[in-house]
Amino acid sequence: MEIDSFPNSGQLFRSAFDLPNSASELLKLIKEHPTYPAIIELVVIYAIVAEKNPIRAEALASTMLQVRNAPDAPTVGDYTIAEIFYRELASLHRRALEVDDIEPLTPSNFFLTSSLLSALSF
């Protein structure tokens, strides 16, 4: 069960990733809700969307880079969006790669998808 960082945030982030100019919509949402939980949720939704549609992983990573590098991206406390992205993506990838069982490497394999996202995200 996901917990929204602001009303309907999960659905809004998912819908934004489907738009042609998703970076501007994501940035708008973050500007309206410049909180640490909102940024973390954006990172988590990014990973979920990329895992469900690995063929879009590069485009999704590019969108996140546009948000991260936006000159008008808000800060959250003393942290920039870039700092939060780096920390949360690294944490997310580290947790995702803690696999007990070795599974076949296929496009639906969570380990493979997490590795790909890790490479594209940094």
PDB file of N, CA and C in Angstrom:
ATOM      1  N   MET A   1       0.839  -1.183   0.000  1.00  0.00           N
ATOM      2  CA  MET A   1       0.000   0.000   0.000  1.00  0.00           C
ATOM      3  C   MET A   1       0.883   1.245   0.000  1.00  0.00           C
ATOM      4  N   GLU A   2       0.625   2.115  -0.940  1.00  0.00           N
ATOM      5  CA  GLU A   2       1.380   3.359  -1.018  1.00  0.00           C
ATOM      6  C   GLU A   2       0.695   4.433  -0.184  1.00  0.00           C
ATOM      7  N   ILE A   3       1.505   5.302   0.354  1.00  0.00           N
ATOM      8  CA  ILE A   3       0.982   6.441   1.103  1.00  0.00           C
ATOM      9  C   ILE A   3       1.320   7.690   0.307  1.00  0.00           C
ATOM     10  N   ASP A   4       0.298   8.444  -0.061  1.00  0.00           N
ATOM     11  CA  ASP A   4       0.513   9.663  -0.838  1.00  0.00           C
ATOM     12  C   ASP A   4       1.155  10.744   0.022  1.00  0.00           C
ATOM     13  N   SER A   5       2.144  11.425  -0.556  1.00  0.00           N
ATOM     14  CA  SER A   5       2.817  12.508   0.160  1.00  0.00           C
ATOM     15  C   SER A   5       1.980  13.786   0.148  1.00  0.00           C
ATOM     16  N   PHE A   6       1.063  13.885  -0.776  1.00  0.00           N
ATOM     17  CA  PHE A   6       0.057  14.946  -0.822  1.00  0.00           C
ATOM     18  C   PHE A   6      -1.156  14.328  -1.518  1.00  0.00           C
ATOM     19  N   PRO A   7      -2.325  14.932  -1.434  1.00  0.00           N
ATOM     20  CA  PRO A   7      -3.526  14.289  -1.974  1.00  0.00           C
ATOM     21  C   PRO A   7      -3.376  13.841  -3.428  1.00  0.00           C
ATOM     22  N   ASN A   8      -3.611  12.542  -3.640  1.00  0.00           N
ATOM     23  CA  ASN A   8      -3.597  11.937  -4.969  1.00  0.00           C
ATOM     24  C   ASN A   8      -2.227  11.992  -5.650  1.00  0.00           C
ATOM     25  N   SER A   9      -1.167  12.146  -4.884  1.00  0.00           N
ATOM     26  CA  SER A   9       0.166  12.326  -5.462  1.00  0.00           C
ATOM     27  C   SER A   9       0.631  11.145  -6.306  1.00  0.00           C
ATOM     28  N   GLY A  10       0.386   9.935  -5.844  1.00  0.00           N
ATOM     29  CA  GLY A  10       0.830   8.770  -6.608  1.00  0.00           C
ATOM     30  C   GLY A  10       0.253   8.762  -8.009  1.00  0.00           C
ATOM     31  N   GLN A  11      -1.047   8.997  -8.112  1.00  0.00           N
ATOM     32  CA  GLN A  11      -1.691   9.015  -9.421  1.00  0.00           C
ATOM     33  C   GLN A  11      -1.214  10.206 -10.256  1.00  0.00           C
ATOM     34  N   LEU A  12      -1.023  11.346  -9.628  1.00  0.00           N
ATOM     35  CA  LEU A  12      -0.545  12.528 -10.359  1.00  0.00           C
ATOM     36  C   LEU A  12       0.855  12.304 -10.919  1.00  0.00           C
ATOM     37  N   PHE A  13       1.750  11.709 -10.129  1.00  0.00           N
ATOM     38  CA  PHE A  13       3.101  11.416 -10.621  1.00  0.00           C
ATOM     39  C   PHE A  13       3.048  10.407 -11.770  1.00  0.00           C
ATOM     40  N   ARG A  14       2.250   9.350 -11.606  1.00  0.00           N
ATOM     41  CA  ARG A  14       2.137   8.339 -12.672  1.00  0.00           C
ATOM     42  C   ARG A  14       1.600   8.968 -13.959  1.00  0.00           C
ATOM     43  N   SER A  15       0.565   9.769 -13.831  1.00  0.00           N
ATOM     44  CA  SER A  15      -0.023  10.422 -15.005  1.00  0.00           C
ATOM     45  C   SER A  15       0.973  11.361 -15.667  1.00  0.00           C
ATOM     46  N   ALA A  16       1.756  12.057 -14.865  1.00  0.00           N
ATOM     47  CA  ALA A  16       2.749  12.984 -15.417  1.00  0.00           C
ATOM     48  C   ALA A  16       3.779  12.242 -16.257  1.00  0.00           C
ATOM     49  N   PHE A  17       4.192  11.055 -15.828  1.00  0.00           N
ATOM     50  CA  PHE A  17       5.175  10.279 -16.591  1.00  0.00           C
ATOM     51  C   PHE A  17       4.633   9.856 -17.955  1.00  0.00           C
ATOM     52  N   ASP A  18       3.314   9.834 -18.127  1.00  0.00           N
ATOM     53  CA  ASP A  18       2.708   9.454 -19.404  1.00  0.00           C
ATOM     54  C   ASP A  18       2.590  10.621 -20.382  1.00  0.00           C
ATOM     55  N   LEU A  19       2.822  11.827 -19.924  1.00  0.00           N
ATOM     56  CA  LEU A  19       2.671  13.006 -20.781  1.00  0.00           C
ATOM     57  C   LEU A  19       3.878  13.182 -21.699  1.00  0.00           C
ATOM     58  N   PRO A  20       3.679  13.815 -22.868  1.00  0.00           N
ATOM     59  CA  PRO A  20       4.803  14.062 -23.776  1.00  0.00           C
ATOM     60  C   PRO A  20       5.892  14.941 -23.143  1.00  0.00           C
ATOM     61  N   ASN A  21       5.488  15.936 -22.365  1.00  0.00           N
ATOM     62  CA  ASN A  21       6.452  16.808 -21.693  1.00  0.00           C
ATOM     63  C   ASN A  21       6.369  16.548 -20.189  1.00  0.00           C
ATOM     64  N   SER A  22       6.700  15.321 -19.801  1.00  0.00           N
ATOM     65  CA  SER A  22       6.501  14.903 -18.417  1.00  0.00           C
ATOM     66  C   SER A  22       7.375  15.663 -17.426  1.00  0.00           C
ATOM     67  N   ALA A  23       8.563  16.087 -17.838  1.00  0.00           N
ATOM     68  CA  ALA A  23       9.454  16.786 -16.906  1.00  0.00           C
ATOM     69  C   ALA A  23       8.817  18.070 -16.390  1.00  0.00           C
ATOM     70  N   SER A  24       8.175  18.825 -17.266  1.00  0.00           N
ATOM     71  CA  SER A  24       7.579  20.089 -16.818  1.00  0.00           C
ATOM     72  C   SER A  24       6.418  19.844 -15.856  1.00  0.00           C
ATOM     73  N   GLU A  25       5.637  18.794 -16.096  1.00  0.00           N
ATOM     74  CA  GLU A  25       4.523  18.487 -15.192  1.00  0.00           C
ATOM     75  C   GLU A  25       5.043  17.991 -13.844  1.00  0.00           C
ATOM     76  N   LEU A  26       6.071  17.150 -13.858  1.00  0.00           N
ATOM     77  CA  LEU A  26       6.659  16.674 -12.600  1.00  0.00           C
ATOM     78  C   LEU A  26       7.256  17.837 -11.813  1.00  0.00           C
ATOM     79  N   LEU A  27       7.935  18.729 -12.512  1.00  0.00           N
ATOM     80  CA  LEU A  27       8.522  19.900 -11.856  1.00  0.00           C
ATOM     81  C   LEU A  27       7.428  20.781 -11.257  1.00  0.00           C
ATOM     82  N   LYS A  28       6.333  20.937 -11.979  1.00  0.00           N
ATOM     83  CA  LYS A  28       5.201  21.724 -11.465  1.00  0.00           C
ATOM     84  C   LYS A  28       4.664  21.101 -10.172  1.00  0.00           C
ATOM     85  N   LEU A  29       4.502  19.780 -10.167  1.00  0.00           N
ATOM     86  CA  LEU A  29       4.011  19.099  -8.960  1.00  0.00           C
ATOM     87  C   LEU A  29       4.974  19.278  -7.787  1.00  0.00           C
ATOM     88  N   ILE A  30       6.262  19.176  -8.059  1.00  0.00           N
ATOM     89  CA  ILE A  30       7.266  19.332  -7.000  1.00  0.00           C
ATOM     90  C   ILE A  30       7.293  20.774  -6.493  1.00  0.00           C
ATOM     91  N   LYS A  31       7.125  21.732  -7.387  1.00  0.00           N
ATOM     92  CA  LYS A  31       7.081  23.137  -6.952  1.00  0.00           C
ATOM     93  C   LYS A  31       5.859  23.402  -6.074  1.00  0.00           C
ATOM     94  N   GLU A  32       4.741  22.757  -6.406  1.00  0.00           N
ATOM     95  CA  GLU A  32       3.524  22.933  -5.611  1.00  0.00           C
ATOM     96  C   GLU A  32       3.623  22.234  -4.256  1.00  0.00           C
ATOM     97  N   HIS A  33       4.458  21.199  -4.185  1.00  0.00           N
ATOM     98  CA  HIS A  33       4.601  20.396  -2.958  1.00  0.00           C
ATOM     99  C   HIS A  33       6.082  20.116  -2.708  1.00  0.00           C
ATOM    100  N   PRO A  34       6.859  21.150  -2.374  1.00  0.00           N
ATOM    101  CA  PRO A  34       8.315  20.980  -2.218  1.00  0.00           C
ATOM    102  C   PRO A  34       8.703  20.356  -0.874  1.00  0.00           C
ATOM    103  N   THR A  35       8.326  19.097  -0.704  1.00  0.00           N
ATOM    104  CA  THR A  35       8.624  18.404   0.544  1.00  0.00           C
ATOM    105  C   THR A  35       9.490  17.181   0.262  1.00  0.00           C
ATOM    106  N   TYR A  36      10.223  16.781   1.280  1.00  0.00           N
ATOM    107  CA  TYR A  36      11.071  15.598   1.154  1.00  0.00           C
ATOM    108  C   TYR A  36      10.236  14.355   0.824  1.00  0.00           C
ATOM    109  N   PRO A  37       9.101  14.120   1.506  1.00  0.00           N
ATOM    110  CA  PRO A  37       8.282  12.950   1.151  1.00  0.00           C
ATOM    111  C   PRO A  37       7.801  12.965  -0.306  1.00  0.00           C
ATOM    112  N   ALA A  38       7.500  14.140  -0.842  1.00  0.00           N
ATOM    113  CA  ALA A  38       7.058  14.217  -2.238  1.00  0.00           C
ATOM    114  C   ALA A  38       8.184  13.826  -3.190  1.00  0.00           C
ATOM    115  N   ILE A  39       9.397  14.278  -2.908  1.00  0.00           N
ATOM    116  CA  ILE A  39      10.540  13.938  -3.764  1.00  0.00           C
ATOM    117  C   ILE A  39      10.820  12.438  -3.684  1.00  0.00           C
ATOM    118  N   ILE A  40      10.779  11.888  -2.482  1.00  0.00           N
ATOM    119  CA  ILE A  40      11.002  10.449  -2.320  1.00  0.00           C
ATOM    120  C   ILE A  40       9.933   9.671  -3.093  1.00  0.00           C
ATOM    121  N   GLU A  41       8.695  10.108  -2.981  1.00  0.00           N
ATOM    122  CA  GLU A  41       7.620   9.421  -3.699  1.00  0.00           C
ATOM    123  C   GLU A  41       7.832   9.495  -5.205  1.00  0.00           C
ATOM    124  N   LEU A  42       8.277  10.638  -5.705  1.00  0.00           N
ATOM    125  CA  LEU A  42       8.570  10.766  -7.130  1.00  0.00           C
ATOM    126  C   LEU A  42       9.619   9.740  -7.553  1.00  0.00           C
ATOM    127  N   VAL A  43      10.678   9.589  -6.776  1.00  0.00           N
ATOM    128  CA  VAL A  43      11.734   8.621  -7.091  1.00  0.00           C
ATOM    129  C   VAL A  43      11.173   7.197  -7.085  1.00  0.00           C
ATOM    130  N   VAL A  44      10.358   6.885  -6.104  1.00  0.00           N
ATOM    131  CA  VAL A  44       9.770   5.542  -6.010  1.00  0.00           C
ATOM    132  C   VAL A  44       8.833   5.280  -7.191  1.00  0.00           C
ATOM    133  N   ILE A  45       7.999   6.251  -7.526  1.00  0.00           N
ATOM    134  CA  ILE A  45       7.078   6.090  -8.659  1.00  0.00           C
ATOM    135  C   ILE A  45       7.871   5.932  -9.954  1.00  0.00           C
ATOM    136  N   TYR A  46       8.943   6.698 -10.104  1.00  0.00           N
ATOM    137  CA  TYR A  46       9.829   6.557 -11.272  1.00  0.00           C
ATOM    138  C   TYR A  46      10.305   5.114 -11.401  1.00  0.00           C
ATOM    139  N   ALA A  47      10.779   4.530 -10.312  1.00  0.00           N
ATOM    140  CA  ALA A  47      11.275   3.152 -10.342  1.00  0.00           C
ATOM    141  C   ALA A  47      10.150   2.168 -10.676  1.00  0.00           C
ATOM    142  N   ILE A  48       8.975   2.392 -10.117  1.00  0.00           N
ATOM    143  CA  ILE A  48       7.833   1.506 -10.378  1.00  0.00           C
ATOM    144  C   ILE A  48       7.431   1.573 -11.849  1.00  0.00           C
ATOM    145  N   VAL A  49       7.327   2.795 -12.380  1.00  0.00           N
ATOM    146  CA  VAL A  49       6.932   2.972 -13.778  1.00  0.00           C
ATOM    147  C   VAL A  49       7.976   2.342 -14.703  1.00  0.00           C
ATOM    148  N   ALA A  50       9.251   2.538 -14.403  1.00  0.00           N
ATOM    149  CA  ALA A  50      10.312   1.969 -15.235  1.00  0.00           C
ATOM    150  C   ALA A  50      10.320   0.444 -15.161  1.00  0.00           C
ATOM    151  N   GLU A  51      10.043  -0.094 -13.992  1.00  0.00           N
ATOM    152  CA  GLU A  51      10.010  -1.556 -13.853  1.00  0.00           C
ATOM    153  C   GLU A  51       8.846  -2.152 -14.641  1.00  0.00           C
ATOM    154  N   LYS A  52       7.719  -1.460 -14.641  1.00  0.00           N
ATOM    155  CA  LYS A  52       6.554  -1.966 -15.369  1.00  0.00           C
ATOM    156  C   LYS A  52       6.716  -1.832 -16.878  1.00  0.00           C
ATOM    157  N   ASN A  53       7.541  -0.886 -17.311  1.00  0.00           N
ATOM    158  CA  ASN A  53       7.734  -0.657 -18.739  1.00  0.00           C
ATOM    159  C   ASN A  53       9.217  -0.407 -19.017  1.00  0.00           C
ATOM    160  N   PRO A  54      10.053  -1.449 -18.957  1.00  0.00           N
ATOM    161  CA  PRO A  54      11.502  -1.275 -19.094  1.00  0.00           C
ATOM    162  C   PRO A  54      11.935  -0.658 -20.419  1.00  0.00           C
ATOM    163  N   ILE A  55      11.122  -0.798 -21.450  1.00  0.00           N
ATOM    164  CA  ILE A  55      11.493  -0.227 -22.737  1.00  0.00           C
ATOM    165  C   ILE A  55      11.540   1.307 -22.670  1.00  0.00           C
ATOM    166  N   ARG A  56      10.861   1.893 -21.682  1.00  0.00           N
ATOM    167  CA  ARG A  56      10.853   3.351 -21.513  1.00  0.00           C
ATOM    168  C   ARG A  56      11.891   3.832 -20.504  1.00  0.00           C
ATOM    169  N   ALA A  57      12.725   2.937 -19.993  1.00  0.00           N
ATOM    170  CA  ALA A  57      13.662   3.291 -18.920  1.00  0.00           C
ATOM    171  C   ALA A  57      14.547   4.474 -19.282  1.00  0.00           C
ATOM    172  N   GLU A  58      15.073   4.494 -20.496  1.00  0.00           N
ATOM    173  CA  GLU A  58      15.952   5.600 -20.882  1.00  0.00           C
ATOM    174  C   GLU A  58      15.188   6.925 -20.946  1.00  0.00           C
ATOM    175  N   ALA A  59      13.994   6.904 -21.500  1.00  0.00           N
ATOM    176  CA  ALA A  59      13.179   8.126 -21.572  1.00  0.00           C
ATOM    177  C   ALA A  59      12.794   8.605 -20.179  1.00  0.00           C
ATOM    178  N   LEU A  60      12.460   7.666 -19.298  1.00  0.00           N
ATOM    179  CA  LEU A  60      12.098   8.039 -17.928  1.00  0.00           C
ATOM    180  C   LEU A  60      13.295   8.619 -17.184  1.00  0.00           C
ATOM    181  N   ALA A  61      14.464   8.017 -17.372  1.00  0.00           N
ATOM    182  CA  ALA A  61      15.678   8.544 -16.739  1.00  0.00           C
ATOM    183  C   ALA A  61      15.985   9.940 -17.265  1.00  0.00           C
ATOM    184  N   SER A  62      15.781  10.148 -18.557  1.00  0.00           N
ATOM    185  CA  SER A  62      15.992  11.472 -19.149  1.00  0.00           C
ATOM    186  C   SER A  62      15.040  12.501 -18.536  1.00  0.00           C
ATOM    187  N   THR A  63      13.811  12.095 -18.307  1.00  0.00           N
ATOM    188  CA  THR A  63      12.835  12.973 -17.660  1.00  0.00           C
ATOM    189  C   THR A  63      13.300  13.358 -16.262  1.00  0.00           C
ATOM    190  N   MET A  64      13.769  12.372 -15.505  1.00  0.00           N
ATOM    191  CA  MET A  64      14.254  12.654 -14.146  1.00  0.00           C
ATOM    192  C   MET A  64      15.468  13.583 -14.182  1.00  0.00           C
ATOM    193  N   LEU A  65      16.333  13.418 -15.181  1.00  0.00           N
ATOM    194  CA  LEU A  65      17.482  14.318 -15.319  1.00  0.00           C
ATOM    195  C   LEU A  65      17.022  15.745 -15.602  1.00  0.00           C
ATOM    196  N   GLN A  66      15.996  15.892 -16.426  1.00  0.00           N
ATOM    197  CA  GLN A  66      15.472  17.226 -16.715  1.00  0.00           C
ATOM    198  C   GLN A  66      14.922  17.882 -15.454  1.00  0.00           C
ATOM    199  N   VAL A  67      14.225  17.102 -14.644  1.00  0.00           N
ATOM    200  CA  VAL A  67      13.700  17.632 -13.377  1.00  0.00           C
ATOM    201  C   VAL A  67      14.865  18.000 -12.464  1.00  0.00           C
ATOM    202  N   ARG A  68      15.819  17.094 -12.335  1.00  0.00           N
ATOM    203  CA  ARG A  68      16.974  17.319 -11.457  1.00  0.00           C
ATOM    204  C   ARG A  68      17.760  18.561 -11.866  1.00  0.00           C
ATOM    205  N   ASN A  69      17.929  18.771 -13.172  1.00  0.00           N
ATOM    206  CA  ASN A  69      18.771  19.860 -13.667  1.00  0.00           C
ATOM    207  C   ASN A  69      18.017  21.161 -13.931  1.00  0.00           C
ATOM    208  N   ALA A  70      16.735  21.183 -13.677  1.00  0.00           N
ATOM    209  CA  ALA A  70      15.945  22.394 -13.941  1.00  0.00           C
ATOM    210  C   ALA A  70      16.461  23.551 -13.089  1.00  0.00           C
ATOM    211  N   PRO A  71      16.753  24.683 -13.715  1.00  0.00           N
ATOM    212  CA  PRO A  71      17.284  25.820 -12.956  1.00  0.00           C
ATOM    213  C   PRO A  71      16.300  26.363 -11.923  1.00  0.00           C
ATOM    214  N   ASP A  72      15.012  26.119 -12.137  1.00  0.00           N
ATOM    215  CA  ASP A  72      14.010  26.623 -11.199  1.00  0.00           C
ATOM    216  C   ASP A  72      13.471  25.528 -10.274  1.00  0.00           C
ATOM    217  N   ALA A  73      14.193  24.415 -10.184  1.00  0.00           N
ATOM    218  CA  ALA A  73      13.774  23.348  -9.265  1.00  0.00           C
ATOM    219  C   ALA A  73      13.874  23.858  -7.828  1.00  0.00           C
ATOM    220  N   PRO A  74      12.875  23.560  -7.015  1.00  0.00           N
ATOM    221  CA  PRO A  74      12.904  24.053  -5.634  1.00  0.00           C
ATOM    222  C   PRO A  74      13.930  23.298  -4.792  1.00  0.00           C
ATOM    223  N   THR A  75      14.290  23.899  -3.687  1.00  0.00           N
ATOM    224  CA  THR A  75      15.098  23.197  -2.695  1.00  0.00           C
ATOM    225  C   THR A  75      14.151  22.719  -1.597  1.00  0.00           C
ATOM    226  N   VAL A  76      14.602  21.719  -0.877  1.00  0.00           N
ATOM    227  CA  VAL A  76      13.820  21.191   0.242  1.00  0.00           C
ATOM    228  C   VAL A  76      14.714  21.308   1.464  1.00  0.00           C
ATOM    229  N   GLY A  77      14.404  22.291   2.289  1.00  0.00           N
ATOM    230  CA  GLY A  77      15.299  22.579   3.405  1.00  0.00           C
ATOM    231  C   GLY A  77      16.638  23.046   2.855  1.00  0.00           C
ATOM    232  N   ASP A  78      17.696  22.376   3.259  1.00  0.00           N
ATOM    233  CA  ASP A  78      19.040  22.718   2.782  1.00  0.00           C
ATOM    234  C   ASP A  78      19.464  21.893   1.577  1.00  0.00           C
ATOM    235  N   TYR A  79      18.578  21.062   1.063  1.00  0.00           N
ATOM    236  CA  TYR A  79      18.952  20.124   0.005  1.00  0.00           C
ATOM    237  C   TYR A  79      18.362  20.514  -1.340  1.00  0.00           C
ATOM    238  N   THR A  80      19.160  20.325  -2.387  1.00  0.00           N
ATOM    239  CA  THR A  80      18.658  20.512  -3.742  1.00  0.00           C
ATOM    240  C   THR A  80      17.972  19.228  -4.189  1.00  0.00           C
ATOM    241  N   ILE A  81      17.192  19.349  -5.241  1.00  0.00           N
ATOM    242  CA  ILE A  81      16.547  18.166  -5.820  1.00  0.00           C
ATOM    243  C   ILE A  81      17.619  17.158  -6.234  1.00  0.00           C
ATOM    244  N   ALA A  82      18.707  17.649  -6.812  1.00  0.00           N
ATOM    245  CA  ALA A  82      19.784  16.752  -7.249  1.00  0.00           C
ATOM    246  C   ALA A  82      20.340  15.948  -6.082  1.00  0.00           C
ATOM    247  N   GLU A  83      20.570  16.594  -4.955  1.00  0.00           N
ATOM    248  CA  GLU A  83      21.101  15.880  -3.785  1.00  0.00           C
ATOM    249  C   GLU A  83      20.126  14.814  -3.292  1.00  0.00           C
ATOM    250  N   ILE A  84      18.852  15.154  -3.280  1.00  0.00           N
ATOM    251  CA  ILE A  84      17.847  14.182  -2.829  1.00  0.00           C
ATOM    252  C   ILE A  84      17.746  13.026  -3.824  1.00  0.00           C
ATOM    253  N   PHE A  85      17.741  13.344  -5.121  1.00  0.00           N
ATOM    254  CA  PHE A  85      17.694  12.288  -6.133  1.00  0.00           C
ATOM    255  C   PHE A  85      18.867  11.328  -5.965  1.00  0.00           C
ATOM    256  N   TYR A  86      20.079  11.871  -5.854  1.00  0.00           N
ATOM    257  CA  TYR A  86      21.263  11.011  -5.723  1.00  0.00           C
ATOM    258  C   TYR A  86      21.121  10.074  -4.526  1.00  0.00           C
ATOM    259  N   ARG A  87      20.773  10.637  -3.394  1.00  0.00           N
ATOM    260  CA  ARG A  87      20.682   9.846  -2.163  1.00  0.00           C
ATOM    261  C   ARG A  87      19.570   8.796  -2.260  1.00  0.00           C
ATOM    262  N   GLU A  88      18.400   9.208  -2.702  1.00  0.00           N
ATOM    263  CA  GLU A  88      17.259   8.291  -2.732  1.00  0.00           C
ATOM    264  C   GLU A  88      17.375   7.243  -3.829  1.00  0.00           C
ATOM    265  N   LEU A  89      17.900   7.622  -4.988  1.00  0.00           N
ATOM    266  CA  LEU A  89      18.099   6.627  -6.043  1.00  0.00           C
ATOM    267  C   LEU A  89      19.137   5.596  -5.625  1.00  0.00           C
ATOM    268  N   ALA A  90      20.218   6.054  -5.018  1.00  0.00           N
ATOM    269  CA  ALA A  90      21.242   5.114  -4.548  1.00  0.00           C
ATOM    270  C   ALA A  90      20.657   4.171  -3.504  1.00  0.00           C
ATOM    271  N   SER A  91      19.885   4.699  -2.595  1.00  0.00           N
ATOM    272  CA  SER A  91      19.263   3.879  -1.559  1.00  0.00           C
ATOM    273  C   SER A  91      18.276   2.886  -2.166  1.00  0.00           C
ATOM    274  N   LEU A  92      17.472   3.358  -3.096  1.00  0.00           N
ATOM    275  CA  LEU A  92      16.491   2.499  -3.752  1.00  0.00           C
ATOM    276  C   LEU A  92      17.176   1.372  -4.518  1.00  0.00           C
ATOM    277  N   HIS A  93      18.214   1.703  -5.266  1.00  0.00           N
ATOM    278  CA  HIS A  93      18.929   0.688  -6.040  1.00  0.00           C
ATOM    279  C   HIS A  93      19.642  -0.302  -5.124  1.00  0.00           C
ATOM    280  N   ARG A  94      20.216   0.196  -4.061  1.00  0.00           N
ATOM    281  CA  ARG A  94      20.911  -0.691  -3.121  1.00  0.00           C
ATOM    282  C   ARG A  94      19.932  -1.703  -2.527  1.00  0.00           C
ATOM    283  N   ARG A  95      18.768  -1.223  -2.103  1.00  0.00           N
ATOM    284  CA  ARG A  95      17.763  -2.128  -1.537  1.00  0.00           C
ATOM    285  C   ARG A  95      17.249  -3.104  -2.589  1.00  0.00           C
ATOM    286  N   ALA A  96      17.069  -2.636  -3.805  1.00  0.00           N
ATOM    287  CA  ALA A  96      16.547  -3.491  -4.873  1.00  0.00           C
ATOM    288  C   ALA A  96      17.532  -4.587  -5.247  1.00  0.00           C
ATOM    289  N   LEU A  97      18.804  -4.324  -5.080  1.00  0.00           N
ATOM    290  CA  LEU A  97      19.814  -5.298  -5.483  1.00  0.00           C
ATOM    291  C   LEU A  97      20.149  -6.295  -4.389  1.00  0.00           C
ATOM    292  N   GLU A  98      19.503  -6.197  -3.252  1.00  0.00           N
ATOM    293  CA  GLU A  98      19.710  -7.168  -2.183  1.00  0.00           C
ATOM    294  C   GLU A  98      18.830  -8.375  -2.467  1.00  0.00           C
ATOM    295  N   VAL A  99      19.308  -9.222  -3.352  1.00  0.00           N
ATOM    296  CA  VAL A  99      18.548 -10.384  -3.797  1.00  0.00           C
ATOM    297  C   VAL A  99      19.123 -11.630  -3.139  1.00  0.00           C
ATOM    298  N   ASP A 100      18.265 -12.414  -2.495  1.00  0.00           N
ATOM    299  CA  ASP A 100      18.709 -13.648  -1.849  1.00  0.00           C
ATOM    300  C   ASP A 100      18.901 -14.781  -2.853  1.00  0.00           C
ATOM    301  N   ASP A 101      17.998 -14.894  -3.775  1.00  0.00           N
ATOM    302  CA  ASP A 101      18.055 -15.986  -4.746  1.00  0.00           C
ATOM    303  C   ASP A 101      18.529 -15.460  -6.085  1.00  0.00           C
ATOM    304  N   ILE A 102      19.310 -16.254  -6.769  1.00  0.00           N
ATOM    305  CA  ILE A 102      19.736 -15.891  -8.121  1.00  0.00           C
ATOM    306  C   ILE A 102      18.612 -16.286  -9.069  1.00  0.00           C
ATOM    307  N   GLU A 103      18.174 -15.318  -9.849  1.00  0.00           N
ATOM    308  CA  GLU A 103      17.085 -15.551 -10.784  1.00  0.00           C
ATOM    309  C   GLU A 103      17.628 -15.430 -12.200  1.00  0.00           C
ATOM    310  N   PRO A 104      16.952 -16.041 -13.156  1.00  0.00           N
ATOM    311  CA  PRO A 104      17.389 -15.866 -14.542  1.00  0.00           C
ATOM    312  C   PRO A 104      17.281 -14.390 -14.929  1.00  0.00           C
ATOM    313  N   LEU A 105      18.234 -13.913 -15.701  1.00  0.00           N
ATOM    314  CA  LEU A 105      18.211 -12.514 -16.114  1.00  0.00           C
ATOM    315  C   LEU A 105      17.332 -12.374 -17.347  1.00  0.00           C
ATOM    316  N   THR A 106      16.158 -11.844 -17.129  1.00  0.00           N
ATOM    317  CA  THR A 106      15.198 -11.610 -18.197  1.00  0.00           C
ATOM    318  C   THR A 106      14.670 -10.195 -18.050  1.00  0.00           C
ATOM    319  N   PRO A 107      14.024  -9.631 -19.080  1.00  0.00           N
ATOM    320  CA  PRO A 107      13.508  -8.268 -18.959  1.00  0.00           C
ATOM    321  C   PRO A 107      12.557  -8.065 -17.791  1.00  0.00           C
ATOM    322  N   SER A 108      11.920  -9.111 -17.315  1.00  0.00           N
ATOM    323  CA  SER A 108      11.015  -8.957 -16.185  1.00  0.00           C
ATOM    324  C   SER A 108      11.727  -9.154 -14.846  1.00  0.00           C
ATOM    325  N   ASN A 109      13.023  -9.435 -14.888  1.00  0.00           N
ATOM    326  CA  ASN A 109      13.796  -9.676 -13.675  1.00  0.00           C
ATOM    327  C   ASN A 109      14.040  -8.363 -12.941  1.00  0.00           C
ATOM    328  N   PHE A 110      13.645  -8.301 -11.666  1.00  0.00           N
ATOM    329  CA  PHE A 110      13.768  -7.071 -10.889  1.00  0.00           C
ATOM    330  C   PHE A 110      15.226  -6.634 -10.745  1.00  0.00           C
ATOM    331  N   PHE A 111      16.133  -7.582 -10.563  1.00  0.00           N
ATOM    332  CA  PHE A 111      17.561  -7.269 -10.428  1.00  0.00           C
ATOM    333  C   PHE A 111      18.070  -6.574 -11.689  1.00  0.00           C
ATOM    334  N   LEU A 112      17.730  -7.124 -12.849  1.00  0.00           N
ATOM    335  CA  LEU A 112      18.169  -6.545 -14.108  1.00  0.00           C
ATOM    336  C   LEU A 112      17.591  -5.145 -14.297  1.00  0.00           C
ATOM    337  N   THR A 113      16.316  -4.992 -14.024  1.00  0.00           N
ATOM    338  CA  THR A 113      15.680  -3.682 -14.164  1.00  0.00           C
ATOM    339  C   THR A 113      16.312  -2.665 -13.224  1.00  0.00           C
ATOM    340  N   SER A 114      16.575  -3.050 -11.989  1.00  0.00           N
ATOM    341  CA  SER A 114      17.200  -2.139 -11.024  1.00  0.00           C
ATOM    342  C   SER A 114      18.606  -1.761 -11.456  1.00  0.00           C
ATOM    343  N   SER A 115      19.343  -2.720 -11.995  1.00  0.00           N
ATOM    344  CA  SER A 115      20.694  -2.430 -12.481  1.00  0.00           C
ATOM    345  C   SER A 115      20.654  -1.437 -13.627  1.00  0.00           C
ATOM    346  N   LEU A 116      19.715  -1.647 -14.540  1.00  0.00           N
ATOM    347  CA  LEU A 116      19.561  -0.739 -15.670  1.00  0.00           C
ATOM    348  C   LEU A 116      19.195   0.662 -15.194  1.00  0.00           C
ATOM    349  N   LEU A 117      18.243   0.759 -14.278  1.00  0.00           N
ATOM    350  CA  LEU A 117      17.853   2.064 -13.742  1.00  0.00           C
ATOM    351  C   LEU A 117      19.023   2.734 -13.045  1.00  0.00           C
ATOM    352  N   SER A 118      19.803   1.958 -12.325  1.00  0.00           N
ATOM    353  CA  SER A 118      20.961   2.508 -11.632  1.00  0.00           C
ATOM    354  C   SER A 118      21.941   3.107 -12.632  1.00  0.00           C
ATOM    355  N   ALA A 119      22.206   2.382 -13.693  1.00  0.00           N
ATOM    356  CA  ALA A 119      23.144   2.867 -14.705  1.00  0.00           C
ATOM    357  C   ALA A 119      22.619   4.114 -15.407  1.00  0.00           C
ATOM    358  N   LEU A 120      21.336   4.142 -15.686  1.00  0.00           N
ATOM    359  CA  LEU A 120      20.755   5.283 -16.392  1.00  0.00           C
ATOM    360  C   LEU A 120      20.580   6.504 -15.497  1.00  0.00           C
ATOM    361  N   SER A 121      20.471   6.280 -14.196  1.00  0.00           N
ATOM    362  CA  SER A 121      20.140   7.368 -13.278  1.00  0.00           C
ATOM    363  C   SER A 121      21.327   8.221 -12.884  1.00  0.00           C
ATOM    364  N   PHE A 122      22.526   7.699 -12.994  1.00  0.00           N
ATOM    365  CA  PHE A 122      23.689   8.439 -12.507  1.00  0.00           C
ATOM    366  C   PHE A 122      24.575   8.845 -13.596  1.00  0.00           C
TER     367      PHE A 122
END
